[in-house]
Amino acid sequence: MEKIFYSFSALSLKGKEISMDLYKNKVVVVVNTASKCGFTPQYAQLEELYKKYKEEGLVILGFPCNQFGQQEPGTDKDISEGCLVNYGVSFPMFSKIEVNGPNAHPLFNYLKDALPGFITNKIKWNFSKFVIDRHGKPVKRFAPITSPLKMEALIVSLLKDE
């Protein structure tokens, strides 16, 4: 049987197993994050989008990863406190994972296959962003360098698609 977005699950920062099924009928942005990265200020823009559109059905899912320049060295508790204190993050954050290699989280393997990258499918750095429509279909992949606010038009169009 072919895997779909809703068939995956991941551990929240608090250690609770969360099924992606929880996000059915939502527009989802999945992003691998790091707290000591040049792109870390993107947390603020992600939070801005989340606050602006969560009532309309947007959810942003953050997945801390320490695979790029060791820029997420902390524990889940450190990550949770840093996200909240420094960026006021209120969207769901998950336990630290790997996004590339033999220990890559299955959700990221699925997303990389569904939305191949430029030259390689690998995640190239922190803050790679994947947008999934209300039906669980991965729609677009955004590079780490791309501002989250550049996703807004796509998000709005997907939110209108009941």
N, C-alpha and C. Protein backbone atom coordinates (compact mmCIF):
# COMPACT_ATOMS: atom_id res chain seq x y z
N MET A 1 0.83 -1.18 0.00
CA MET A 1 0.00 0.00 0.00
C MET A 1 0.88 1.25 0.00
N GLU A 2 0.54 2.21 -0.83
CA GLU A 2 1.32 3.43 -0.92
C GLU A 2 1.12 4.27 0.34
N LYS A 3 2.22 4.78 0.84
CA LYS A 3 2.18 5.64 2.03
C LYS A 3 1.54 6.98 1.68
N ILE A 4 0.80 7.52 2.62
CA ILE A 4 0.26 8.86 2.47
C ILE A 4 0.68 9.66 3.71
N PHE A 5 0.62 10.99 3.60
CA PHE A 5 1.06 11.86 4.68
C PHE A 5 0.42 11.46 6.02
N TYR A 6 -0.88 11.17 5.98
CA TYR A 6 -1.61 10.88 7.21
C TYR A 6 -1.24 9.56 7.86
N SER A 7 -0.44 8.73 7.19
CA SER A 7 -0.07 7.43 7.76
C SER A 7 1.16 7.54 8.67
N PHE A 8 1.79 8.71 8.74
CA PHE A 8 3.00 8.88 9.55
C PHE A 8 2.66 9.41 10.94
N SER A 9 3.61 9.23 11.84
CA SER A 9 3.48 9.83 13.17
C SER A 9 4.89 10.23 13.62
N ALA A 10 4.93 11.07 14.64
CA ALA A 10 6.22 11.53 15.18
C ALA A 10 6.02 11.88 16.65
N LEU A 11 7.12 11.93 17.37
CA LEU A 11 7.08 12.28 18.79
C LEU A 11 7.09 13.79 18.97
N SER A 12 6.19 14.29 19.79
CA SER A 12 6.19 15.72 20.11
C SER A 12 7.38 16.02 21.01
N LEU A 13 7.68 17.29 21.20
CA LEU A 13 8.77 17.68 22.10
C LEU A 13 8.54 17.15 23.51
N LYS A 14 7.29 16.91 23.86
CA LYS A 14 6.97 16.39 25.19
C LYS A 14 6.97 14.86 25.22
N GLY A 15 7.35 14.23 24.09
CA GLY A 15 7.47 12.77 24.05
C GLY A 15 6.19 12.03 23.75
N LYS A 16 5.16 12.73 23.27
CA LYS A 16 3.88 12.09 22.96
C LYS A 16 3.84 11.76 21.46
N GLU A 17 3.39 10.54 21.16
CA GLU A 17 3.25 10.12 19.76
C GLU A 17 2.08 10.87 19.12
N ILE A 18 2.36 11.59 18.03
CA ILE A 18 1.33 12.38 17.34
C ILE A 18 1.17 11.84 15.92
N SER A 19 -0.05 11.47 15.58
CA SER A 19 -0.33 10.99 14.23
C SER A 19 -0.59 12.19 13.31
N MET A 20 -0.04 12.13 12.11
CA MET A 20 -0.29 13.20 11.14
C MET A 20 -1.77 13.23 10.75
N ASP A 21 -2.46 12.14 11.04
CA ASP A 21 -3.91 12.03 10.83
C ASP A 21 -4.65 13.16 11.56
N LEU A 22 -4.04 13.65 12.64
CA LEU A 22 -4.59 14.74 13.44
C LEU A 22 -4.76 16.02 12.59
N TYR A 23 -3.99 16.10 11.50
CA TYR A 23 -3.98 17.32 10.68
C TYR A 23 -4.78 17.17 9.38
N LYS A 24 -5.68 16.18 9.34
CA LYS A 24 -6.54 16.02 8.16
C LYS A 24 -7.35 17.29 7.94
N ASN A 25 -7.56 17.63 6.67
CA ASN A 25 -8.31 18.83 6.27
C ASN A 25 -7.63 20.14 6.64
N LYS A 26 -6.35 20.08 6.97
CA LYS A 26 -5.56 21.28 7.25
C LYS A 26 -4.54 21.45 6.13
N VAL A 27 -4.11 22.69 5.93
CA VAL A 27 -2.93 22.95 5.10
C VAL A 27 -1.75 22.89 6.06
N VAL A 28 -0.77 22.05 5.73
CA VAL A 28 0.33 21.77 6.64
C VAL A 28 1.65 22.24 6.03
N VAL A 29 2.46 22.90 6.84
CA VAL A 29 3.84 23.21 6.46
C VAL A 29 4.73 22.40 7.40
N VAL A 30 5.57 21.54 6.82
CA VAL A 30 6.53 20.76 7.60
C VAL A 30 7.90 21.40 7.36
N VAL A 31 8.61 21.70 8.45
CA VAL A 31 9.90 22.38 8.34
C VAL A 31 10.90 21.77 9.32
N ASN A 32 12.13 21.53 8.82
CA ASN A 32 13.18 21.08 9.73
C ASN A 32 13.86 22.34 10.27
N THR A 33 14.00 22.39 11.59
CA THR A 33 14.43 23.61 12.26
C THR A 33 15.75 23.41 13.01
N ALA A 34 16.35 24.53 13.40
CA ALA A 34 17.54 24.53 14.25
C ALA A 34 17.61 25.88 14.95
N SER A 35 18.04 25.86 16.19
CA SER A 35 18.01 27.09 16.98
C SER A 35 19.29 27.92 16.88
N LYS A 36 20.32 27.39 16.25
CA LYS A 36 21.58 28.13 16.16
C LYS A 36 22.02 28.29 14.70
N CYS A 37 21.06 28.54 13.84
CA CYS A 37 21.29 28.62 12.40
C CYS A 37 21.07 30.06 11.94
N GLY A 38 21.73 30.44 10.87
CA GLY A 38 21.50 31.76 10.29
C GLY A 38 20.06 31.98 9.88
N PHE A 39 19.35 30.88 9.61
CA PHE A 39 17.94 30.96 9.19
C PHE A 39 16.98 30.90 10.39
N THR A 40 17.50 30.76 11.61
CA THR A 40 16.65 30.63 12.79
C THR A 40 15.62 31.75 12.92
N PRO A 41 15.92 32.99 12.51
CA PRO A 41 14.89 34.03 12.58
C PRO A 41 13.63 33.71 11.76
N GLN A 42 13.70 32.69 10.89
CA GLN A 42 12.50 32.26 10.16
C GLN A 42 11.41 31.78 11.12
N TYR A 43 11.80 31.37 12.32
CA TYR A 43 10.78 30.97 13.32
C TYR A 43 9.74 32.08 13.46
N ALA A 44 10.21 33.33 13.50
CA ALA A 44 9.30 34.47 13.69
C ALA A 44 8.31 34.58 12.53
N GLN A 45 8.78 34.39 11.29
CA GLN A 45 7.90 34.46 10.13
C GLN A 45 6.94 33.27 10.08
N LEU A 46 7.44 32.10 10.46
CA LEU A 46 6.57 30.92 10.51
C LEU A 46 5.46 31.14 11.53
N GLU A 47 5.83 31.70 12.69
CA GLU A 47 4.84 31.98 13.73
C GLU A 47 3.83 33.02 13.25
N GLU A 48 4.31 34.01 12.52
CA GLU A 48 3.43 35.05 11.98
C GLU A 48 2.38 34.43 11.04
N LEU A 49 2.83 33.55 10.14
CA LEU A 49 1.90 32.87 9.23
C LEU A 49 0.92 32.01 10.02
N TYR A 50 1.44 31.28 10.99
CA TYR A 50 0.60 30.39 11.80
C TYR A 50 -0.50 31.18 12.51
N LYS A 51 -0.13 32.26 13.17
CA LYS A 51 -1.12 33.06 13.90
C LYS A 51 -2.15 33.66 12.95
N LYS A 52 -1.70 34.08 11.78
CA LYS A 52 -2.58 34.74 10.82
C LYS A 52 -3.61 33.78 10.22
N TYR A 53 -3.21 32.51 10.01
CA TYR A 53 -4.07 31.58 9.25
C TYR A 53 -4.51 30.32 10.00
N LYS A 54 -4.13 30.17 11.27
CA LYS A 54 -4.48 28.91 11.94
C LYS A 54 -5.99 28.72 12.06
N GLU A 55 -6.73 29.82 12.23
CA GLU A 55 -8.20 29.71 12.32
C GLU A 55 -8.81 29.26 11.00
N GLU A 56 -8.10 29.49 9.91
CA GLU A 56 -8.59 29.08 8.59
C GLU A 56 -8.12 27.67 8.21
N GLY A 57 -7.26 27.08 9.04
CA GLY A 57 -6.86 25.70 8.78
C GLY A 57 -5.39 25.48 8.49
N LEU A 58 -4.53 26.45 8.78
CA LEU A 58 -3.09 26.24 8.60
C LEU A 58 -2.48 25.66 9.86
N VAL A 59 -1.59 24.70 9.69
CA VAL A 59 -0.78 24.23 10.81
C VAL A 59 0.66 24.12 10.33
N ILE A 60 1.57 24.53 11.19
CA ILE A 60 3.00 24.43 10.90
C ILE A 60 3.58 23.43 11.88
N LEU A 61 4.37 22.50 11.36
CA LEU A 61 4.98 21.46 12.18
C LEU A 61 6.49 21.60 12.12
N GLY A 62 7.11 21.89 13.25
CA GLY A 62 8.56 22.06 13.31
C GLY A 62 9.26 20.81 13.79
N PHE A 63 10.30 20.42 13.04
CA PHE A 63 11.08 19.22 13.37
C PHE A 63 12.55 19.60 13.55
N PRO A 64 12.99 19.79 14.80
CA PRO A 64 14.39 20.13 15.05
C PRO A 64 15.32 19.04 14.52
N CYS A 65 16.46 19.48 13.98
CA CYS A 65 17.42 18.56 13.40
C CYS A 65 18.82 19.10 13.66
N ASN A 66 19.75 18.21 14.02
CA ASN A 66 21.12 18.61 14.34
C ASN A 66 22.11 18.14 13.27
N GLN A 67 21.61 17.83 12.07
CA GLN A 67 22.48 17.27 11.03
C GLN A 67 23.27 18.31 10.25
N PHE A 68 22.95 19.58 10.39
CA PHE A 68 23.61 20.60 9.58
C PHE A 68 24.40 21.54 10.49
N GLY A 69 25.71 21.37 10.50
CA GLY A 69 26.57 22.24 11.29
C GLY A 69 26.34 22.14 12.79
N GLN A 70 25.75 21.03 13.25
CA GLN A 70 25.49 20.83 14.69
C GLN A 70 24.77 22.05 15.27
N GLN A 71 23.76 22.56 14.55
CA GLN A 71 23.11 23.80 14.94
C GLN A 71 21.87 23.59 15.82
N GLU A 72 21.61 22.35 16.22
CA GLU A 72 20.53 22.07 17.17
C GLU A 72 21.05 21.07 18.20
N PRO A 73 22.02 21.51 19.03
CA PRO A 73 22.67 20.58 19.95
C PRO A 73 21.87 20.23 21.20
N GLY A 74 20.86 21.03 21.52
CA GLY A 74 20.17 20.89 22.81
C GLY A 74 19.25 19.69 22.91
N THR A 75 18.72 19.52 24.13
CA THR A 75 17.72 18.49 24.40
C THR A 75 16.36 19.01 23.94
N ASP A 76 15.36 18.15 23.96
CA ASP A 76 14.01 18.58 23.60
C ASP A 76 13.55 19.71 24.51
N LYS A 77 13.91 19.65 25.80
CA LYS A 77 13.52 20.70 26.74
C LYS A 77 14.20 22.03 26.37
N ASP A 78 15.50 21.97 26.03
CA ASP A 78 16.23 23.18 25.60
C ASP A 78 15.56 23.78 24.36
N ILE A 79 15.23 22.93 23.41
CA ILE A 79 14.62 23.37 22.15
C ILE A 79 13.28 24.04 22.44
N SER A 80 12.47 23.39 23.26
CA SER A 80 11.15 23.91 23.61
C SER A 80 11.27 25.29 24.25
N GLU A 81 12.16 25.43 25.20
CA GLU A 81 12.33 26.70 25.89
C GLU A 81 12.86 27.77 24.95
N GLY A 82 13.82 27.42 24.10
CA GLY A 82 14.41 28.37 23.16
C GLY A 82 13.40 28.88 22.15
N CYS A 83 12.58 27.98 21.62
CA CYS A 83 11.55 28.37 20.64
C CYS A 83 10.55 29.32 21.27
N LEU A 84 10.15 29.02 22.48
CA LEU A 84 9.14 29.83 23.14
C LEU A 84 9.71 31.18 23.57
N VAL A 85 10.85 31.15 24.23
CA VAL A 85 11.44 32.37 24.77
C VAL A 85 11.90 33.31 23.65
N ASN A 86 12.62 32.77 22.68
CA ASN A 86 13.23 33.63 21.66
C ASN A 86 12.28 34.00 20.53
N TYR A 87 11.32 33.14 20.20
CA TYR A 87 10.50 33.39 19.02
C TYR A 87 9.00 33.29 19.27
N GLY A 88 8.60 32.98 20.49
CA GLY A 88 7.18 32.89 20.80
C GLY A 88 6.45 31.83 20.01
N VAL A 89 7.15 30.76 19.66
CA VAL A 89 6.57 29.71 18.81
C VAL A 89 5.40 29.03 19.53
N SER A 90 4.24 29.03 18.88
CA SER A 90 3.07 28.35 19.45
C SER A 90 2.62 27.19 18.56
N PHE A 91 3.22 27.04 17.37
CA PHE A 91 2.85 25.91 16.52
C PHE A 91 3.52 24.63 17.03
N PRO A 92 2.98 23.46 16.65
CA PRO A 92 3.51 22.20 17.16
C PRO A 92 4.97 21.97 16.79
N MET A 93 5.75 21.60 17.79
CA MET A 93 7.16 21.25 17.60
C MET A 93 7.34 19.79 18.01
N PHE A 94 8.20 19.11 17.29
CA PHE A 94 8.42 17.69 17.51
C PHE A 94 9.82 17.43 18.06
N SER A 95 10.01 16.21 18.50
CA SER A 95 11.29 15.78 19.03
C SER A 95 12.34 15.80 17.93
N LYS A 96 13.59 16.01 18.32
CA LYS A 96 14.69 16.11 17.36
C LYS A 96 14.78 14.83 16.52
N ILE A 97 14.98 15.03 15.22
CA ILE A 97 15.05 13.91 14.28
C ILE A 97 16.23 14.11 13.33
N GLU A 98 16.45 13.10 12.49
CA GLU A 98 17.36 13.23 11.35
C GLU A 98 16.50 13.29 10.10
N VAL A 99 16.95 14.06 9.10
CA VAL A 99 16.18 14.20 7.87
C VAL A 99 16.85 13.55 6.67
N ASN A 100 18.14 13.21 6.81
CA ASN A 100 18.89 12.55 5.74
C ASN A 100 19.58 11.32 6.32
N GLY A 101 19.99 10.43 5.41
CA GLY A 101 20.79 9.28 5.83
C GLY A 101 19.95 8.11 6.31
N PRO A 102 20.63 7.07 6.81
CA PRO A 102 19.95 5.82 7.17
C PRO A 102 18.98 5.96 8.33
N ASN A 103 19.16 6.99 9.18
CA ASN A 103 18.27 7.19 10.32
C ASN A 103 17.26 8.30 10.10
N ALA A 104 17.09 8.71 8.84
CA ALA A 104 16.14 9.78 8.53
C ALA A 104 14.73 9.36 8.93
N HIS A 105 13.99 10.31 9.47
CA HIS A 105 12.61 10.05 9.86
C HIS A 105 11.82 9.66 8.60
N PRO A 106 10.98 8.62 8.69
CA PRO A 106 10.21 8.17 7.51
C PRO A 106 9.35 9.28 6.88
N LEU A 107 8.85 10.22 7.67
CA LEU A 107 8.06 11.32 7.12
C LEU A 107 8.91 12.14 6.15
N PHE A 108 10.15 12.40 6.53
CA PHE A 108 11.02 13.20 5.65
C PHE A 108 11.44 12.41 4.41
N ASN A 109 11.62 11.10 4.55
CA ASN A 109 11.90 10.29 3.35
C ASN A 109 10.72 10.38 2.38
N TYR A 110 9.53 10.29 2.92
CA TYR A 110 8.31 10.40 2.10
C TYR A 110 8.24 11.76 1.40
N LEU A 111 8.45 12.84 2.16
CA LEU A 111 8.36 14.18 1.59
C LEU A 111 9.43 14.42 0.53
N LYS A 112 10.65 13.91 0.77
CA LYS A 112 11.73 14.08 -0.20
C LYS A 112 11.42 13.34 -1.50
N ASP A 113 10.79 12.16 -1.38
CA ASP A 113 10.40 11.40 -2.58
C ASP A 113 9.26 12.09 -3.32
N ALA A 114 8.30 12.62 -2.57
CA ALA A 114 7.13 13.26 -3.17
C ALA A 114 7.48 14.58 -3.84
N LEU A 115 8.42 15.31 -3.26
CA LEU A 115 8.82 16.62 -3.79
C LEU A 115 10.35 16.67 -3.89
N PRO A 116 10.88 16.09 -4.97
CA PRO A 116 12.34 16.04 -5.11
C PRO A 116 12.97 17.44 -5.12
N GLY A 117 14.17 17.50 -4.60
CA GLY A 117 14.89 18.76 -4.55
C GLY A 117 15.62 19.04 -5.86
N PHE A 118 16.30 20.14 -5.91
CA PHE A 118 17.09 20.53 -7.07
C PHE A 118 18.41 19.77 -7.01
N ILE A 119 18.75 19.05 -8.04
CA ILE A 119 19.95 18.22 -8.17
C ILE A 119 19.88 16.95 -7.31
N THR A 120 19.56 17.09 -6.03
CA THR A 120 19.47 15.93 -5.14
C THR A 120 18.18 16.02 -4.33
N ASN A 121 17.70 14.86 -3.88
CA ASN A 121 16.50 14.85 -3.05
C ASN A 121 16.80 15.18 -1.60
N LYS A 122 18.07 15.10 -1.23
CA LYS A 122 18.44 15.34 0.17
C LYS A 122 17.99 16.72 0.63
N ILE A 123 17.72 16.80 1.92
CA ILE A 123 17.51 18.10 2.55
C ILE A 123 18.89 18.75 2.60
N LYS A 124 18.99 19.98 2.11
CA LYS A 124 20.31 20.60 2.01
C LYS A 124 20.72 21.37 3.26
N TRP A 125 19.74 21.86 4.03
CA TRP A 125 20.08 22.63 5.23
C TRP A 125 18.83 22.78 6.09
N ASN A 126 18.99 23.42 7.24
CA ASN A 126 17.87 23.71 8.13
C ASN A 126 16.87 24.62 7.43
N PHE A 127 15.62 24.51 7.84
CA PHE A 127 14.52 25.34 7.36
C PHE A 127 14.15 25.06 5.90
N SER A 128 14.27 23.78 5.49
CA SER A 128 13.63 23.33 4.25
C SER A 128 12.16 23.20 4.60
N LYS A 129 11.29 23.65 3.69
CA LYS A 129 9.86 23.71 4.00
C LYS A 129 9.06 22.94 2.96
N PHE A 130 8.11 22.13 3.44
CA PHE A 130 7.22 21.35 2.57
C PHE A 130 5.79 21.76 2.86
N VAL A 131 5.03 22.07 1.81
CA VAL A 131 3.63 22.45 1.98
C VAL A 131 2.76 21.29 1.51
N ILE A 132 1.80 20.91 2.35
CA ILE A 132 0.88 19.80 2.08
C ILE A 132 -0.54 20.35 2.06
N ASP A 133 -1.32 19.97 1.05
CA ASP A 133 -2.69 20.51 0.94
C ASP A 133 -3.65 19.82 1.90
N ARG A 134 -4.90 20.28 1.89
CA ARG A 134 -5.92 19.76 2.82
C ARG A 134 -6.23 18.27 2.63
N HIS A 135 -5.79 17.71 1.51
CA HIS A 135 -6.06 16.30 1.22
C HIS A 135 -4.84 15.42 1.49
N GLY A 136 -3.81 16.03 2.09
CA GLY A 136 -2.61 15.26 2.43
C GLY A 136 -1.62 15.13 1.29
N LYS A 137 -1.81 15.89 0.22
CA LYS A 137 -0.91 15.79 -0.94
C LYS A 137 0.20 16.84 -0.80
N PRO A 138 1.47 16.38 -0.81
CA PRO A 138 2.58 17.34 -0.82
C PRO A 138 2.54 18.15 -2.11
N VAL A 139 2.56 19.48 -1.98
CA VAL A 139 2.36 20.37 -3.12
C VAL A 139 3.63 21.07 -3.56
N LYS A 140 4.41 21.58 -2.61
CA LYS A 140 5.59 22.36 -3.00
C LYS A 140 6.65 22.31 -1.90
N ARG A 141 7.89 22.31 -2.36
CA ARG A 141 9.05 22.32 -1.47
C ARG A 141 9.73 23.68 -1.62
N PHE A 142 10.07 24.29 -0.48
CA PHE A 142 10.75 25.58 -0.48
C PHE A 142 12.14 25.43 0.13
N ALA A 143 13.11 26.07 -0.48
CA ALA A 143 14.50 26.01 -0.03
C ALA A 143 14.68 26.70 1.31
N PRO A 144 15.73 26.32 2.04
CA PRO A 144 16.01 26.96 3.33
C PRO A 144 16.12 28.49 3.22
N ILE A 145 16.69 28.97 2.16
CA ILE A 145 16.92 30.41 1.99
C ILE A 145 15.62 31.18 1.74
N THR A 146 14.56 30.47 1.31
CA THR A 146 13.30 31.12 0.99
C THR A 146 12.58 31.57 2.26
N SER A 147 12.22 32.83 2.30
CA SER A 147 11.48 33.38 3.44
C SER A 147 10.13 32.68 3.55
N PRO A 148 9.72 32.30 4.76
CA PRO A 148 8.40 31.70 4.92
C PRO A 148 7.28 32.59 4.37
N LEU A 149 7.46 33.90 4.42
CA LEU A 149 6.42 34.79 3.93
C LEU A 149 6.21 34.65 2.42
N LYS A 150 7.21 34.13 1.71
CA LYS A 150 7.07 33.88 0.27
C LYS A 150 6.13 32.70 -0.01
N MET A 151 5.77 31.94 1.03
CA MET A 151 4.84 30.82 0.89
C MET A 151 3.39 31.28 1.06
N GLU A 152 3.20 32.51 1.49
CA GLU A 152 1.87 32.97 1.89
C GLU A 152 0.83 32.85 0.78
N ALA A 153 1.15 33.27 -0.44
CA ALA A 153 0.18 33.20 -1.54
C ALA A 153 -0.27 31.76 -1.78
N LEU A 154 0.67 30.83 -1.78
CA LEU A 154 0.33 29.41 -1.96
C LEU A 154 -0.54 28.93 -0.82
N ILE A 155 -0.17 29.26 0.40
CA ILE A 155 -0.95 28.84 1.58
C ILE A 155 -2.38 29.36 1.48
N VAL A 156 -2.53 30.64 1.14
CA VAL A 156 -3.87 31.25 1.03
C VAL A 156 -4.68 30.52 -0.04
N SER A 157 -4.06 30.23 -1.19
CA SER A 157 -4.81 29.54 -2.25
C SER A 157 -5.23 28.14 -1.81
N LEU A 158 -4.38 27.45 -1.05
CA LEU A 158 -4.72 26.10 -0.57
C LEU A 158 -5.78 26.16 0.52
N LEU A 159 -5.75 27.19 1.34
CA LEU A 159 -6.77 27.33 2.39
C LEU A 159 -8.16 27.55 1.78
N LYS A 160 -8.22 28.20 0.63
CA LYS A 160 -9.49 28.45 -0.03
C LYS A 160 -10.04 27.19 -0.69
N ASP A 161 -9.18 26.21 -0.93
CA ASP A 161 -9.57 24.96 -1.58
C ASP A 161 -10.15 24.01 -0.54
N GLU A 162 -11.43 24.08 -0.34
CA GLU A 162 -12.07 23.19 0.65
C GLU A 162 -12.02 21.81 0.10
